[in-house]
């Protein structure tokens, strides 16, 4: 998917202005997320607060909120998972800048700019659980029930008591 002209931003300029941008992206327009969803209904709300860092670089505080419909890996049914996540990132122009230790996550820029859509999608992917599950095993649709479990050697227990 090609990024629109308003989607790519100059990080240094926005950090200099201490800009705050808010965007809403339909989940159906996030290509890396599509395979993880039960369906593409819903949207991703994201807030970018750009700032100039003490070391002179550009950074941003990013807050994402979404309620994607995922597939439970236990019962294979769709469920909604409310997600809210905040993170602090630092923009780097190249690998040399990215290797300098900092307390923030590093995000590489492409010629001084980034795609807000790609950055928002990355943050949502990081907020997703590794294994999606809808609830506790006892309440999940396909969880084994204790009373249904067959115990083939339970007869032996009675035989041992007799001897």
Protein backbone atom coordinates (compact mmCIF):
# COMPACT_ATOMS: atom_id res chain seq x y z
CA UNK A 1 0.00 0.00 0.00
CA UNK A 2 1.43 3.37 -0.91
CA UNK A 3 1.56 5.92 1.84
CA UNK A 4 -0.29 9.15 1.27
CA UNK A 5 1.48 12.50 1.23
CA UNK A 6 0.14 13.43 4.68
CA UNK A 7 1.23 10.06 6.09
CA UNK A 8 5.00 10.73 5.80
CA UNK A 9 6.26 13.34 8.23
CA UNK A 10 9.54 15.11 8.92
CA UNK A 11 10.44 14.00 12.45
CA UNK A 12 13.00 16.74 13.14
CA UNK A 13 10.59 19.52 12.20
CA UNK A 14 7.75 18.05 14.25
CA UNK A 15 10.08 17.56 17.23
CA UNK A 16 11.26 21.17 16.93
CA UNK A 17 7.62 22.32 16.98
CA UNK A 18 6.69 19.85 19.77
CA UNK A 19 3.79 18.79 17.55
CA UNK A 20 1.02 16.49 18.71
CA UNK A 21 -0.78 14.53 15.99
CA UNK A 22 -3.78 12.25 16.35
CA UNK A 23 -4.80 9.74 13.71
CA UNK A 24 -7.40 7.00 13.25
CA UNK A 25 -6.59 4.12 10.90
CA UNK A 26 -9.05 1.38 9.87
CA UNK A 27 -7.64 -2.02 10.83
CA UNK A 28 -8.39 -3.19 7.28
CA UNK A 29 -5.70 -0.79 5.99
CA UNK A 30 -2.88 -2.23 8.13
CA UNK A 31 -1.32 -4.96 5.94
CA UNK A 32 0.97 -6.59 8.53
CA UNK A 33 -1.95 -6.97 10.95
CA UNK A 34 -4.45 -8.59 8.56
CA UNK A 35 -3.30 -12.20 9.03
CA UNK A 36 -3.65 -11.94 12.82
CA UNK A 37 -7.27 -10.75 12.79
CA UNK A 38 -10.49 -12.75 12.77
CA UNK A 39 -11.95 -9.91 10.70
CA UNK A 40 -10.82 -6.40 9.86
CA UNK A 41 -13.59 -4.49 11.63
CA UNK A 42 -12.56 -1.66 13.90
CA UNK A 43 -9.97 1.04 13.95
CA UNK A 44 -6.69 2.02 15.55
CA UNK A 45 -6.54 5.33 17.40
CA UNK A 46 -3.06 6.73 17.84
CA UNK A 47 -1.54 9.86 19.35
CA UNK A 48 1.99 11.01 18.47
CA UNK A 49 3.61 13.63 20.74
CA UNK A 50 6.91 14.65 19.14
CA UNK A 51 9.70 16.21 21.20
CA UNK A 52 13.31 17.30 20.96
CA UNK A 53 15.57 15.06 23.04
CA UNK A 54 18.36 16.25 25.32
CA UNK A 55 20.95 14.63 23.02
CA UNK A 56 19.62 16.75 20.15
CA UNK A 57 17.66 14.09 18.31
CA UNK A 58 13.96 13.70 17.75
CA UNK A 59 11.65 11.47 19.76
CA UNK A 60 8.00 10.78 20.27
CA UNK A 61 5.61 9.45 22.87
CA UNK A 62 3.11 7.18 21.15
CA UNK A 63 -0.22 6.04 22.57
CA UNK A 64 -2.31 3.45 20.71
CA UNK A 65 -5.81 2.17 21.44
CA UNK A 66 -7.75 -0.47 19.52
CA UNK A 67 -10.12 -3.36 19.99
CA UNK A 68 -9.13 -5.87 17.30
CA UNK A 69 -11.06 -9.12 16.77
CA UNK A 70 -8.55 -11.94 17.16
CA UNK A 71 -8.81 -15.73 16.90
CA UNK A 72 -8.48 -17.59 20.20
CA UNK A 73 -5.75 -20.20 19.87
CA UNK A 74 -7.56 -22.58 22.25
CA UNK A 75 -11.11 -22.61 20.92
CA UNK A 76 -10.51 -20.99 17.49
CA UNK A 77 -13.40 -18.56 18.00
CA UNK A 78 -13.25 -14.83 17.35
CA UNK A 79 -13.11 -12.47 20.32
CA UNK A 80 -12.46 -8.77 20.91
CA UNK A 81 -9.35 -7.79 22.82
CA UNK A 82 -9.21 -4.16 24.07
CA UNK A 83 -5.63 -2.90 23.80
CA UNK A 84 -4.06 0.29 25.12
CA UNK A 85 -0.32 0.85 24.93
CA UNK A 86 2.13 3.71 25.42
CA UNK A 87 5.77 3.84 24.36
CA UNK A 88 8.63 6.28 23.99
CA UNK A 89 10.73 6.12 20.84
CA UNK A 90 13.77 7.87 19.46
CA UNK A 91 14.23 8.41 15.74
CA UNK A 92 17.57 7.46 14.15
CA UNK A 93 18.74 8.37 10.66
CA UNK A 94 21.03 5.33 10.25
CA UNK A 95 22.36 2.20 11.94
CA UNK A 96 25.26 4.10 13.53
CA UNK A 97 22.84 6.40 15.38
CA UNK A 98 20.67 3.42 16.30
CA UNK A 99 23.59 1.66 17.99
CA UNK A 100 24.05 4.46 20.55
CA UNK A 101 22.44 3.28 23.82
CA UNK A 102 19.39 5.20 24.99
CA UNK A 103 16.46 4.50 27.27
CA UNK A 104 14.01 4.56 24.39
CA UNK A 105 13.13 2.21 21.55
CA UNK A 106 14.89 3.15 18.31
CA UNK A 107 12.94 3.65 15.07
CA UNK A 108 14.88 4.11 11.83
CA UNK A 109 13.81 6.99 9.59
CA UNK A 110 13.78 6.91 5.82
CA UNK A 111 15.61 10.05 4.65
CA UNK A 112 14.53 12.00 7.72
CA UNK A 113 10.88 11.03 7.59
CA UNK A 114 8.62 8.25 8.82
CA UNK A 115 5.25 6.89 7.84
CA UNK A 116 2.82 7.50 10.69
CA UNK A 117 0.67 4.58 9.52
CA UNK A 118 3.63 2.16 9.60
CA UNK A 119 4.73 3.45 12.99
CA UNK A 120 1.21 3.08 14.40
CA UNK A 121 0.92 -0.44 12.98
CA UNK A 122 4.28 -1.38 14.54
CA UNK A 123 3.14 -0.15 17.95
CA UNK A 124 -0.11 -2.11 17.73
CA UNK A 125 1.75 -5.28 16.71
CA UNK A 126 4.00 -4.88 19.75
CA UNK A 127 0.93 -4.51 22.00
CA UNK A 128 -0.67 -7.76 20.79
CA UNK A 129 -0.23 -10.88 22.92
CA UNK A 130 2.10 -13.59 21.58
CA UNK A 131 -0.70 -16.15 21.84
CA UNK A 132 -4.23 -14.82 21.65
CA UNK A 133 -6.71 -16.48 24.01
CA UNK A 134 -10.21 -15.34 24.81
CA UNK A 135 -10.52 -16.23 28.49
CA UNK A 136 -9.54 -18.67 31.20
CA UNK A 137 -9.27 -22.32 30.08
CA UNK A 138 -12.40 -23.28 32.04
CA UNK A 139 -14.56 -20.75 30.19
CA UNK A 140 -13.00 -21.14 26.74
CA UNK A 141 -15.17 -22.86 24.13
CA UNK A 142 -13.07 -25.99 23.57
CA UNK A 143 -11.33 -26.46 26.93
CA UNK A 144 -11.41 -30.04 28.23
CA UNK A 145 -13.76 -30.56 31.15
CA UNK A 146 -12.61 -32.56 34.16
CA UNK A 147 -15.73 -34.75 34.31
CA UNK A 148 -15.38 -35.76 30.64
CA UNK A 149 -11.81 -36.99 30.99
CA UNK A 150 -11.57 -40.77 30.71
CA UNK A 151 -9.41 -42.50 33.32
CA UNK A 152 -8.63 -45.97 31.93
CA UNK A 153 -6.57 -47.12 34.94
CA UNK A 154 -9.03 -46.07 37.64
CA UNK A 155 -10.11 -49.74 37.94
CA UNK A 156 -6.57 -50.65 39.05
CA UNK A 157 -6.89 -48.34 42.04
CA UNK A 158 -9.78 -50.42 43.34
CA UNK A 159 -7.84 -53.66 42.76
CA UNK A 160 -4.86 -52.35 44.76
CA UNK A 161 -7.10 -51.56 47.70
CA UNK A 162 -8.36 -55.19 47.77
CA UNK A 163 -4.90 -56.71 47.97
